[in-house]
Amino acid sequence: MIYTWKILDLESLKSSGLVTKVSYQCDAHKNSLYTRRIGEIILTGSIDDEGYIEYDNLTQDNVLGWLDSKIDKSAIETSLSESIALDEIEISSSIQTKIGVPWGE
């Protein structure tokens, strides 16, 4: 399973650049199957907080780091994995033909 985390959008205060909301996405891929979770977190704080990064200096890695303390990434990845596993079962049960030879199994 391959998980890809992305930041979709930031909401910030015009006056200070302080980020107040983060929209994120986690994609899960396995073979040709794919699923996605999109969410948001609300941030509180001030420009006087230790570690404050000015808006123009933010990177996606900075913002992805904020998610670590705000959401349970592992639980989201597990949920996405379970969704793909259910899709695999559904696809497998709908296949009516078999390819191969009996001595190769």
PDB file of N, CA and C in Angstrom:
ATOM      1  N   MET A   1       0.852  -1.173   0.000  1.00  0.00           N
ATOM      2  CA  MET A   1       0.000   0.000   0.000  1.00  0.00           C
ATOM      3  C   MET A   1       0.896   1.233   0.000  1.00  0.00           C
ATOM      4  N   ILE A   2       0.553   2.181  -0.830  1.00  0.00           N
ATOM      5  CA  ILE A   2       1.308   3.434  -0.897  1.00  0.00           C
ATOM      6  C   ILE A   2       0.382   4.562  -0.462  1.00  0.00           C
ATOM      7  N   TYR A   3       0.831   5.345   0.515  1.00  0.00           N
ATOM      8  CA  TYR A   3       0.065   6.485   1.017  1.00  0.00           C
ATOM      9  C   TYR A   3       0.770   7.774   0.601  1.00  0.00           C
ATOM     10  N   THR A   4      -0.013   8.721   0.125  1.00  0.00           N
ATOM     11  CA  THR A   4       0.532  10.026  -0.251  1.00  0.00           C
ATOM     12  C   THR A   4      -0.286  11.109   0.451  1.00  0.00           C
ATOM     13  N   TRP A   5       0.400  11.878   1.284  1.00  0.00           N
ATOM     14  CA  TRP A   5      -0.244  12.981   1.997  1.00  0.00           C
ATOM     15  C   TRP A   5       0.044  14.284   1.265  1.00  0.00           C
ATOM     16  N   LYS A   6      -0.993  15.137   1.128  1.00  0.00           N
ATOM     17  CA  LYS A   6      -0.854  16.420   0.440  1.00  0.00           C
ATOM     18  C   LYS A   6      -1.595  17.498   1.222  1.00  0.00           C
ATOM     19  N   ILE A   7      -1.122  18.706   1.077  1.00  0.00           N
ATOM     20  CA  ILE A   7      -1.854  19.864   1.584  1.00  0.00           C
ATOM     21  C   ILE A   7      -2.586  20.460   0.393  1.00  0.00           C
ATOM     22  N   LEU A   8      -3.904  20.579   0.526  1.00  0.00           N
ATOM     23  CA  LEU A   8      -4.717  21.097  -0.566  1.00  0.00           C
ATOM     24  C   LEU A   8      -4.846  22.610  -0.530  1.00  0.00           C
ATOM     25  N   ASP A   9      -4.982  23.158   0.690  1.00  0.00           N
ATOM     26  CA  ASP A   9      -5.239  24.588   0.792  1.00  0.00           C
ATOM     27  C   ASP A   9      -4.980  25.054   2.219  1.00  0.00           C
ATOM     28  N   LEU A  10      -4.646  26.309   2.343  1.00  0.00           N
ATOM     29  CA  LEU A  10      -4.472  26.953   3.644  1.00  0.00           C
ATOM     30  C   LEU A  10      -5.396  28.159   3.707  1.00  0.00           C
ATOM     31  N   GLU A  11      -5.957  28.384   4.883  1.00  0.00           N
ATOM     32  CA  GLU A  11      -6.697  29.610   5.125  1.00  0.00           C
ATOM     33  C   GLU A  11      -5.883  30.402   6.128  1.00  0.00           C
ATOM     34  N   SER A  12      -5.635  31.668   5.827  1.00  0.00           N
ATOM     35  CA  SER A  12      -4.806  32.476   6.725  1.00  0.00           C
ATOM     36  C   SER A  12      -5.382  33.873   6.868  1.00  0.00           C
ATOM     37  N   LEU A  13      -4.958  34.544   7.929  1.00  0.00           N
ATOM     38  CA  LEU A  13      -5.376  35.915   8.163  1.00  0.00           C
ATOM     39  C   LEU A  13      -4.594  36.850   7.250  1.00  0.00           C
ATOM     40  N   LYS A  14      -5.292  37.734   6.565  1.00  0.00           N
ATOM     41  CA  LYS A  14      -4.625  38.671   5.655  1.00  0.00           C
ATOM     42  C   LYS A  14      -3.630  39.554   6.393  1.00  0.00           C
ATOM     43  N   SER A  15      -3.992  39.970   7.584  1.00  0.00           N
ATOM     44  CA  SER A  15      -3.172  40.946   8.303  1.00  0.00           C
ATOM     45  C   SER A  15      -1.813  40.394   8.734  1.00  0.00           C
ATOM     46  N   SER A  16      -1.773  39.115   9.135  1.00  0.00           N
ATOM     47  CA  SER A  16      -0.523  38.567   9.681  1.00  0.00           C
ATOM     48  C   SER A  16       0.010  37.359   8.918  1.00  0.00           C
ATOM     49  N   GLY A  17      -0.832  36.742   8.101  1.00  0.00           N
ATOM     50  CA  GLY A  17      -0.424  35.517   7.425  1.00  0.00           C
ATOM     51  C   GLY A  17      -0.569  34.283   8.291  1.00  0.00           C
ATOM     52  N   LEU A  18      -1.064  34.441   9.511  1.00  0.00           N
ATOM     53  CA  LEU A  18      -1.243  33.318  10.435  1.00  0.00           C
ATOM     54  C   LEU A  18      -2.235  32.320   9.844  1.00  0.00           C
ATOM     55  N   VAL A  19      -1.811  31.085   9.702  1.00  0.00           N
ATOM     56  CA  VAL A  19      -2.662  30.040   9.135  1.00  0.00           C
ATOM     57  C   VAL A  19      -3.654  29.581  10.198  1.00  0.00           C
ATOM     58  N   THR A  20      -4.939  29.554   9.826  1.00  0.00           N
ATOM     59  CA  THR A  20      -6.001  29.174  10.755  1.00  0.00           C
ATOM     60  C   THR A  20      -6.692  27.866  10.375  1.00  0.00           C
ATOM     61  N   LYS A  21      -6.565  27.468   9.104  1.00  0.00           N
ATOM     62  CA  LYS A  21      -7.197  26.213   8.675  1.00  0.00           C
ATOM     63  C   LYS A  21      -6.347  25.562   7.599  1.00  0.00           C
ATOM     64  N   VAL A  22      -6.244  24.238   7.684  1.00  0.00           N
ATOM     65  CA  VAL A  22      -5.489  23.446   6.711  1.00  0.00           C
ATOM     66  C   VAL A  22      -6.423  22.399   6.123  1.00  0.00           C
ATOM     67  N   SER A  23      -6.488  22.339   4.804  1.00  0.00           N
ATOM     68  CA  SER A  23      -7.213  21.270   4.116  1.00  0.00           C
ATOM     69  C   SER A  23      -6.167  20.282   3.599  1.00  0.00           C
ATOM     70  N   TYR A  24      -6.380  19.003   3.895  1.00  0.00           N
ATOM     71  CA  TYR A  24      -5.390  17.984   3.530  1.00  0.00           C
ATOM     72  C   TYR A  24      -6.063  16.811   2.837  1.00  0.00           C
ATOM     73  N   GLN A  25      -5.233  15.977   2.245  1.00  0.00           N
ATOM     74  CA  GLN A  25      -5.707  14.788   1.543  1.00  0.00           C
ATOM     75  C   GLN A  25      -4.717  13.659   1.752  1.00  0.00           C
ATOM     76  N   CYS A  26      -5.237  12.458   1.913  1.00  0.00           N
ATOM     77  CA  CYS A  26      -4.406  11.262   1.945  1.00  0.00           C
ATOM     78  C   CYS A  26      -4.928  10.325   0.858  1.00  0.00           C
ATOM     79  N   ASP A  27      -4.045   9.955  -0.064  1.00  0.00           N
ATOM     80  CA  ASP A  27      -4.376   9.003  -1.115  1.00  0.00           C
ATOM     81  C   ASP A  27      -3.745   7.663  -0.764  1.00  0.00           C
ATOM     82  N   ALA A  28      -4.470   6.583  -1.035  1.00  0.00           N
ATOM     83  CA  ALA A  28      -3.940   5.237  -0.843  1.00  0.00           C
ATOM     84  C   ALA A  28      -4.062   4.487  -2.167  1.00  0.00           C
ATOM     85  N   HIS A  29      -2.963   3.854  -2.579  1.00  0.00           N
ATOM     86  CA  HIS A  29      -2.920   3.093  -3.832  1.00  0.00           C
ATOM     87  C   HIS A  29      -2.412   1.692  -3.546  1.00  0.00           C
ATOM     88  N   LYS A  30      -3.053   0.730  -4.185  1.00  0.00           N
ATOM     89  CA  LYS A  30      -2.555  -0.646  -4.175  1.00  0.00           C
ATOM     90  C   LYS A  30      -2.943  -1.257  -5.515  1.00  0.00           C
ATOM     91  N   ASN A  31      -1.920  -1.616  -6.282  1.00  0.00           N
ATOM     92  CA  ASN A  31      -2.137  -2.105  -7.647  1.00  0.00           C
ATOM     93  C   ASN A  31      -2.977  -1.090  -8.417  1.00  0.00           C
ATOM     94  N   SER A  32      -4.123  -1.462  -8.921  1.00  0.00           N
ATOM     95  CA  SER A  32      -4.947  -0.511  -9.677  1.00  0.00           C
ATOM     96  C   SER A  32      -6.067   0.083  -8.827  1.00  0.00           C
ATOM     97  N   LEU A  33      -6.066  -0.208  -7.537  1.00  0.00           N
ATOM     98  CA  LEU A  33      -7.115   0.309  -6.650  1.00  0.00           C
ATOM     99  C   LEU A  33      -6.638   1.586  -5.963  1.00  0.00           C
ATOM    100  N   TYR A  34      -7.598   2.471  -5.708  1.00  0.00           N
ATOM    101  CA  TYR A  34      -7.274   3.789  -5.189  1.00  0.00           C
ATOM    102  C   TYR A  34      -8.417   4.271  -4.311  1.00  0.00           C
ATOM    103  N   THR A  35      -8.087   4.944  -3.227  1.00  0.00           N
ATOM    104  CA  THR A  35      -9.098   5.610  -2.406  1.00  0.00           C
ATOM    105  C   THR A  35      -8.473   6.850  -1.799  1.00  0.00           C
ATOM    106  N   ARG A  36      -9.299   7.731  -1.271  1.00  0.00           N
ATOM    107  CA  ARG A  36      -8.816   9.027  -0.793  1.00  0.00           C
ATOM    108  C   ARG A  36      -9.623   9.474   0.417  1.00  0.00           C
ATOM    109  N   ARG A  37      -8.958  10.187   1.309  1.00  0.00           N
ATOM    110  CA  ARG A  37      -9.623  10.850   2.440  1.00  0.00           C
ATOM    111  C   ARG A  37      -9.220  12.307   2.406  1.00  0.00           C
ATOM    112  N   ILE A  38     -10.194  13.190   2.482  1.00  0.00           N
ATOM    113  CA  ILE A  38      -9.952  14.630   2.532  1.00  0.00           C
ATOM    114  C   ILE A  38     -10.474  15.132   3.869  1.00  0.00           C
ATOM    115  N   GLY A  39      -9.709  16.016   4.498  1.00  0.00           N
ATOM    116  CA  GLY A  39     -10.125  16.558   5.779  1.00  0.00           C
ATOM    117  C   GLY A  39      -9.578  17.951   6.007  1.00  0.00           C
ATOM    118  N   GLU A  40      -9.961  18.516   7.143  1.00  0.00           N
ATOM    119  CA  GLU A  40      -9.504  19.843   7.532  1.00  0.00           C
ATOM    120  C   GLU A  40      -9.148  19.849   9.008  1.00  0.00           C
ATOM    121  N   ILE A  41      -8.205  20.697   9.355  1.00  0.00           N
ATOM    122  CA  ILE A  41      -7.927  20.950  10.760  1.00  0.00           C
ATOM    123  C   ILE A  41      -7.974  22.459  10.976  1.00  0.00           C
ATOM    124  N   ILE A  42      -8.429  22.845  12.140  1.00  0.00           N
ATOM    125  CA  ILE A  42      -8.458  24.249  12.541  1.00  0.00           C
ATOM    126  C   ILE A  42      -7.266  24.467  13.462  1.00  0.00           C
ATOM    127  N   LEU A  43      -6.540  25.542  13.232  1.00  0.00           N
ATOM    128  CA  LEU A  43      -5.365  25.848  14.034  1.00  0.00           C
ATOM    129  C   LEU A  43      -5.623  27.087  14.886  1.00  0.00           C
ATOM    130  N   THR A  44      -5.086  27.059  16.085  1.00  0.00           N
ATOM    131  CA  THR A  44      -5.133  28.230  16.945  1.00  0.00           C
ATOM    132  C   THR A  44      -3.697  28.572  17.319  1.00  0.00           C
ATOM    133  N   GLY A  45      -3.442  29.794  17.560  1.00  0.00           N
ATOM    134  CA  GLY A  45      -2.100  30.224  17.913  1.00  0.00           C
ATOM    135  C   GLY A  45      -1.916  31.681  17.568  1.00  0.00           C
ATOM    136  N   SER A  46      -0.665  32.102  17.625  1.00  0.00           N
ATOM    137  CA  SER A  46      -0.379  33.494  17.296  1.00  0.00           C
ATOM    138  C   SER A  46       1.000  33.585  16.665  1.00  0.00           C
ATOM    139  N   ILE A  47       1.276  34.724  16.079  1.00  0.00           N
ATOM    140  CA  ILE A  47       2.582  34.930  15.452  1.00  0.00           C
ATOM    141  C   ILE A  47       3.684  35.015  16.497  1.00  0.00           C
ATOM    142  N   ASP A  48       3.315  35.133  17.769  1.00  0.00           N
ATOM    143  CA  ASP A  48       4.298  35.185  18.856  1.00  0.00           C
ATOM    144  C   ASP A  48       4.686  33.803  19.370  1.00  0.00           C
ATOM    145  N   ASP A  49       4.022  32.759  18.885  1.00  0.00           N
ATOM    146  CA  ASP A  49       4.324  31.400  19.329  1.00  0.00           C
ATOM    147  C   ASP A  49       5.722  30.976  18.889  1.00  0.00           C
ATOM    148  N   GLU A  50       6.374  30.194  19.742  1.00  0.00           N
ATOM    149  CA  GLU A  50       7.684  29.650  19.395  1.00  0.00           C
ATOM    150  C   GLU A  50       7.545  28.766  18.154  1.00  0.00           C
ATOM    151  N   GLY A  51       8.460  28.891  17.234  1.00  0.00           N
ATOM    152  CA  GLY A  51       8.439  28.081  16.026  1.00  0.00           C
ATOM    153  C   GLY A  51       7.552  28.630  14.921  1.00  0.00           C
ATOM    154  N   TYR A  52       6.966  29.814  15.139  1.00  0.00           N
ATOM    155  CA  TYR A  52       6.120  30.422  14.110  1.00  0.00           C
ATOM    156  C   TYR A  52       6.925  30.590  12.817  1.00  0.00           C
ATOM    157  N   ILE A  53       6.300  30.221  11.695  1.00  0.00           N
ATOM    158  CA  ILE A  53       6.928  30.370  10.381  1.00  0.00           C
ATOM    159  C   ILE A  53       6.051  31.318   9.574  1.00  0.00           C
ATOM    160  N   GLU A  54       6.658  32.356   9.023  1.00  0.00           N
ATOM    161  CA  GLU A  54       5.892  33.299   8.218  1.00  0.00           C
ATOM    162  C   GLU A  54       5.278  32.588   7.013  1.00  0.00           C
ATOM    163  N   TYR A  55       4.100  33.035   6.638  1.00  0.00           N
ATOM    164  CA  TYR A  55       3.332  32.408   5.563  1.00  0.00           C
ATOM    165  C   TYR A  55       4.176  32.181   4.307  1.00  0.00           C
ATOM    166  N   ASP A  56       4.898  33.197   3.881  1.00  0.00           N
ATOM    167  CA  ASP A  56       5.680  33.088   2.639  1.00  0.00           C
ATOM    168  C   ASP A  56       6.836  32.100   2.749  1.00  0.00           C
ATOM    169  N   ASN A  57       7.193  31.691   3.949  1.00  0.00           N
ATOM    170  CA  ASN A  57       8.296  30.753   4.156  1.00  0.00           C
ATOM    171  C   ASN A  57       7.828  29.321   4.417  1.00  0.00           C
ATOM    172  N   LEU A  58       6.504  29.115   4.457  1.00  0.00           N
ATOM    173  CA  LEU A  58       5.976  27.772   4.704  1.00  0.00           C
ATOM    174  C   LEU A  58       6.259  26.840   3.536  1.00  0.00           C
ATOM    175  N   THR A  59       6.491  25.573   3.876  1.00  0.00           N
ATOM    176  CA  THR A  59       6.602  24.528   2.864  1.00  0.00           C
ATOM    177  C   THR A  59       5.530  23.484   3.157  1.00  0.00           C
ATOM    178  N   GLN A  60       5.273  22.642   2.181  1.00  0.00           N
ATOM    179  CA  GLN A  60       4.306  21.570   2.399  1.00  0.00           C
ATOM    180  C   GLN A  60       4.765  20.673   3.547  1.00  0.00           C
ATOM    181  N   ASP A  61       6.064  20.424   3.647  1.00  0.00           N
ATOM    182  CA  ASP A  61       6.579  19.593   4.741  1.00  0.00           C
ATOM    183  C   ASP A  61       6.305  20.224   6.103  1.00  0.00           C
ATOM    184  N   ASN A  62       6.438  21.560   6.215  1.00  0.00           N
ATOM    185  CA  ASN A  62       6.110  22.234   7.473  1.00  0.00           C
ATOM    186  C   ASN A  62       4.668  21.947   7.869  1.00  0.00           C
ATOM    187  N   VAL A  63       3.772  22.146   6.918  1.00  0.00           N
ATOM    188  CA  VAL A  63       2.344  22.018   7.207  1.00  0.00           C
ATOM    189  C   VAL A  63       1.970  20.560   7.439  1.00  0.00           C
ATOM    190  N   LEU A  64       2.559  19.635   6.691  1.00  0.00           N
ATOM    191  CA  LEU A  64       2.300  18.212   6.949  1.00  0.00           C
ATOM    192  C   LEU A  64       2.719  17.844   8.367  1.00  0.00           C
ATOM    193  N   GLY A  65       3.779  18.465   8.868  1.00  0.00           N
ATOM    194  CA  GLY A  65       4.215  18.231  10.244  1.00  0.00           C
ATOM    195  C   GLY A  65       3.170  18.653  11.259  1.00  0.00           C
ATOM    196  N   TRP A  66       2.414  19.696  10.959  1.00  0.00           N
ATOM    197  CA  TRP A  66       1.353  20.125  11.868  1.00  0.00           C
ATOM    198  C   TRP A  66       0.285  19.053  12.012  1.00  0.00           C
ATOM    199  N   LEU A  67       0.045  18.298  10.938  1.00  0.00           N
ATOM    200  CA  LEU A  67      -0.975  17.247  10.998  1.00  0.00           C
ATOM    201  C   LEU A  67      -0.621  16.179  12.025  1.00  0.00           C
ATOM    202  N   ASP A  68       0.682  15.922  12.195  1.00  0.00           N
ATOM    203  CA  ASP A  68       1.118  14.865  13.110  1.00  0.00           C
ATOM    204  C   ASP A  68       0.571  15.060  14.522  1.00  0.00           C
ATOM    205  N   SER A  69       0.448  16.305  14.963  1.00  0.00           N
ATOM    206  CA  SER A  69      -0.034  16.543  16.319  1.00  0.00           C
ATOM    207  C   SER A  69      -1.543  16.775  16.367  1.00  0.00           C
ATOM    208  N   LYS A  70      -2.187  16.856  15.220  1.00  0.00           N
ATOM    209  CA  LYS A  70      -3.615  17.188  15.189  1.00  0.00           C
ATOM    210  C   LYS A  70      -4.523  16.031  14.787  1.00  0.00           C
ATOM    211  N   ILE A  71      -3.994  15.077  14.016  1.00  0.00           N
ATOM    212  CA  ILE A  71      -4.826  13.959  13.559  1.00  0.00           C
ATOM    213  C   ILE A  71      -4.073  12.643  13.749  1.00  0.00           C
ATOM    214  N   ASP A  72      -4.821  11.562  13.710  1.00  0.00           N
ATOM    215  CA  ASP A  72      -4.223  10.234  13.810  1.00  0.00           C
ATOM    216  C   ASP A  72      -4.016   9.700  12.390  1.00  0.00           C
ATOM    217  N   LYS A  73      -2.851  10.011  11.820  1.00  0.00           N
ATOM    218  CA  LYS A  73      -2.564   9.607  10.443  1.00  0.00           C
ATOM    219  C   LYS A  73      -2.642   8.089  10.285  1.00  0.00           C
ATOM    220  N   SER A  74      -2.162   7.366  11.280  1.00  0.00           N
ATOM    221  CA  SER A  74      -2.170   5.904  11.219  1.00  0.00           C
ATOM    222  C   SER A  74      -3.597   5.364  11.107  1.00  0.00           C
ATOM    223  N   ALA A  75      -4.516   5.949  11.860  1.00  0.00           N
ATOM    224  CA  ALA A  75      -5.917   5.502  11.810  1.00  0.00           C
ATOM    225  C   ALA A  75      -6.526   5.779  10.433  1.00  0.00           C
ATOM    226  N   ILE A  76      -6.179   6.916   9.847  1.00  0.00           N
ATOM    227  CA  ILE A  76      -6.685   7.241   8.508  1.00  0.00           C
ATOM    228  C   ILE A  76      -6.131   6.259   7.489  1.00  0.00           C
ATOM    229  N   GLU A  77      -4.837   5.969   7.573  1.00  0.00           N
ATOM    230  CA  GLU A  77      -4.232   5.018   6.638  1.00  0.00           C
ATOM    231  C   GLU A  77      -4.840   3.630   6.802  1.00  0.00           C
ATOM    232  N   THR A  78      -5.100   3.221   8.037  1.00  0.00           N
ATOM    233  CA  THR A  78      -5.730   1.916   8.290  1.00  0.00           C
ATOM    234  C   THR A  78      -7.123   1.872   7.678  1.00  0.00           C
ATOM    235  N   SER A  79      -7.880   2.935   7.842  1.00  0.00           N
ATOM    236  CA  SER A  79      -9.227   3.000   7.275  1.00  0.00           C
ATOM    237  C   SER A  79      -9.188   2.907   5.751  1.00  0.00           C
ATOM    238  N   LEU A  80      -8.247   3.608   5.143  1.00  0.00           N
ATOM    239  CA  LEU A  80      -8.118   3.547   3.688  1.00  0.00           C
ATOM    240  C   LEU A  80      -7.704   2.150   3.231  1.00  0.00           C
ATOM    241  N   SER A  81      -6.811   1.508   3.978  1.00  0.00           N
ATOM    242  CA  SER A  81      -6.388   0.140   3.654  1.00  0.00           C
ATOM    243  C   SER A  81      -7.566  -0.823   3.726  1.00  0.00           C
ATOM    244  N   GLU A  82      -8.398  -0.663   4.736  1.00  0.00           N
ATOM    245  CA  GLU A  82      -9.566  -1.527   4.891  1.00  0.00           C
ATOM    246  C   GLU A  82     -10.535  -1.330   3.730  1.00  0.00           C
ATOM    247  N   SER A  83     -10.677  -0.088   3.284  1.00  0.00           N
ATOM    248  CA  SER A  83     -11.556   0.191   2.147  1.00  0.00           C
ATOM    249  C   SER A  83     -11.048  -0.504   0.884  1.00  0.00           C
ATOM    250  N   ILE A  84      -9.746  -0.428   0.665  1.00  0.00           N
ATOM    251  CA  ILE A  84      -9.170  -1.094  -0.512  1.00  0.00           C
ATOM    252  C   ILE A  84      -9.288  -2.612  -0.380  1.00  0.00           C
ATOM    253  N   ALA A  85      -9.106  -3.157   0.816  1.00  0.00           N
ATOM    254  CA  ALA A  85      -9.248  -4.603   1.026  1.00  0.00           C
ATOM    255  C   ALA A  85     -10.670  -5.059   0.690  1.00  0.00           C
ATOM    256  N   LEU A  86     -11.662  -4.273   1.073  1.00  0.00           N
ATOM    257  CA  LEU A  86     -13.050  -4.611   0.733  1.00  0.00           C
ATOM    258  C   LEU A  86     -13.261  -4.562  -0.779  1.00  0.00           C
ATOM    259  N   ASP A  87     -12.664  -3.575  -1.437  1.00  0.00           N
ATOM    260  CA  ASP A  87     -12.758  -3.502  -2.904  1.00  0.00           C
ATOM    261  C   ASP A  87     -12.117  -4.725  -3.546  1.00  0.00           C
ATOM    262  N   GLU A  88     -10.973  -5.171  -3.003  1.00  0.00           N
ATOM    263  CA  GLU A  88     -10.300  -6.362  -3.543  1.00  0.00           C
ATOM    264  C   GLU A  88     -11.193  -7.595  -3.429  1.00  0.00           C
ATOM    265  N   ILE A  89     -11.850  -7.738  -2.286  1.00  0.00           N
ATOM    266  CA  ILE A  89     -12.746  -8.881  -2.069  1.00  0.00           C
ATOM    267  C   ILE A  89     -13.908  -8.822  -3.052  1.00  0.00           C
ATOM    268  N   GLU A  90     -14.485  -7.638  -3.225  1.00  0.00           N
ATOM    269  CA  GLU A  90     -15.616  -7.479  -4.135  1.00  0.00           C
ATOM    270  C   GLU A  90     -15.205  -7.801  -5.575  1.00  0.00           C
ATOM    271  N   ILE A  91     -14.070  -7.302  -5.983  1.00  0.00           N
ATOM    272  CA  ILE A  91     -13.593  -7.559  -7.343  1.00  0.00           C
ATOM    273  C   ILE A  91     -13.290  -9.041  -7.518  1.00  0.00           C
ATOM    274  N   SER A  92     -12.635  -9.636  -6.537  1.00  0.00           N
ATOM    275  CA  SER A  92     -12.266 -11.049  -6.606  1.00  0.00           C
ATOM    276  C   SER A  92     -13.501 -11.943  -6.705  1.00  0.00           C
ATOM    277  N   SER A  93     -14.534 -11.608  -5.953  1.00  0.00           N
ATOM    278  CA  SER A  93     -15.733 -12.449  -5.964  1.00  0.00           C
ATOM    279  C   SER A  93     -16.550 -12.269  -7.238  1.00  0.00           C
ATOM    280  N   SER A  94     -16.320 -11.180  -7.960  1.00  0.00           N
ATOM    281  CA  SER A  94     -17.090 -10.957  -9.185  1.00  0.00           C
ATOM    282  C   SER A  94     -16.419 -11.558 -10.417  1.00  0.00           C
ATOM    283  N   ILE A  95     -15.196 -12.018 -10.302  1.00  0.00           N
ATOM    284  CA  ILE A  95     -14.480 -12.610 -11.434  1.00  0.00           C
ATOM    285  C   ILE A  95     -15.026 -14.004 -11.705  1.00  0.00           C
ATOM    286  N   GLN A  96     -15.424 -14.240 -12.959  1.00  0.00           N
ATOM    287  CA  GLN A  96     -16.040 -15.505 -13.324  1.00  0.00           C
ATOM    288  C   GLN A  96     -15.091 -16.446 -14.059  1.00  0.00           C
ATOM    289  N   THR A  97     -13.936 -15.958 -14.454  1.00  0.00           N
ATOM    290  CA  THR A  97     -12.998 -16.799 -15.185  1.00  0.00           C
ATOM    291  C   THR A  97     -11.683 -16.869 -14.428  1.00  0.00           C
ATOM    292  N   LYS A  98     -10.898 -17.878 -14.777  1.00  0.00           N
ATOM    293  CA  LYS A  98      -9.621 -18.104 -14.136  1.00  0.00           C
ATOM    294  C   LYS A  98      -8.575 -18.307 -15.230  1.00  0.00           C
ATOM    295  N   ILE A  99      -7.407 -17.762 -15.031  1.00  0.00           N
ATOM    296  CA  ILE A  99      -6.322 -17.887 -15.999  1.00  0.00           C
ATOM    297  C   ILE A  99      -5.182 -18.650 -15.325  1.00  0.00           C
ATOM    298  N   GLY A 100      -4.590 -19.575 -16.036  1.00  0.00           N
ATOM    299  CA  GLY A 100      -3.459 -20.317 -15.505  1.00  0.00           C
ATOM    300  C   GLY A 100      -3.549 -21.788 -15.831  1.00  0.00           C
ATOM    301  N   VAL A 101      -2.659 -22.571 -15.255  1.00  0.00           N
ATOM    302  CA  VAL A 101      -2.645 -24.022 -15.419  1.00  0.00           C
ATOM    303  C   VAL A 101      -2.713 -24.650 -14.040  1.00  0.00           C
ATOM    304  N   PRO A 102      -3.304 -25.837 -13.930  1.00  0.00           N
ATOM    305  CA  PRO A 102      -3.496 -26.438 -12.612  1.00  0.00           C
ATOM    306  C   PRO A 102      -2.170 -26.818 -11.931  1.00  0.00           C
ATOM    307  N   TRP A 103      -1.128 -27.121 -12.664  1.00  0.00           N
ATOM    308  CA  TRP A 103       0.122 -27.521 -12.049  1.00  0.00           C
ATOM    309  C   TRP A 103       0.972 -26.342 -11.582  1.00  0.00           C
ATOM    310  N   GLY A 104       0.528 -25.101 -11.883  1.00  0.00           N
ATOM    311  CA  GLY A 104       1.252 -23.912 -11.451  1.00  0.00           C
ATOM    312  C   GLY A 104       0.703 -23.326 -10.167  1.00  0.00           C
ATOM    313  N   GLU A 105      -0.293 -23.958  -9.605  1.00  0.00           N
ATOM    314  CA  GLU A 105      -0.937 -23.400  -8.397  1.00  0.00           C
ATOM    315  C   GLU A 105      -0.371 -24.011  -7.141  1.00  0.00           C
TER     316      GLU A 105
END
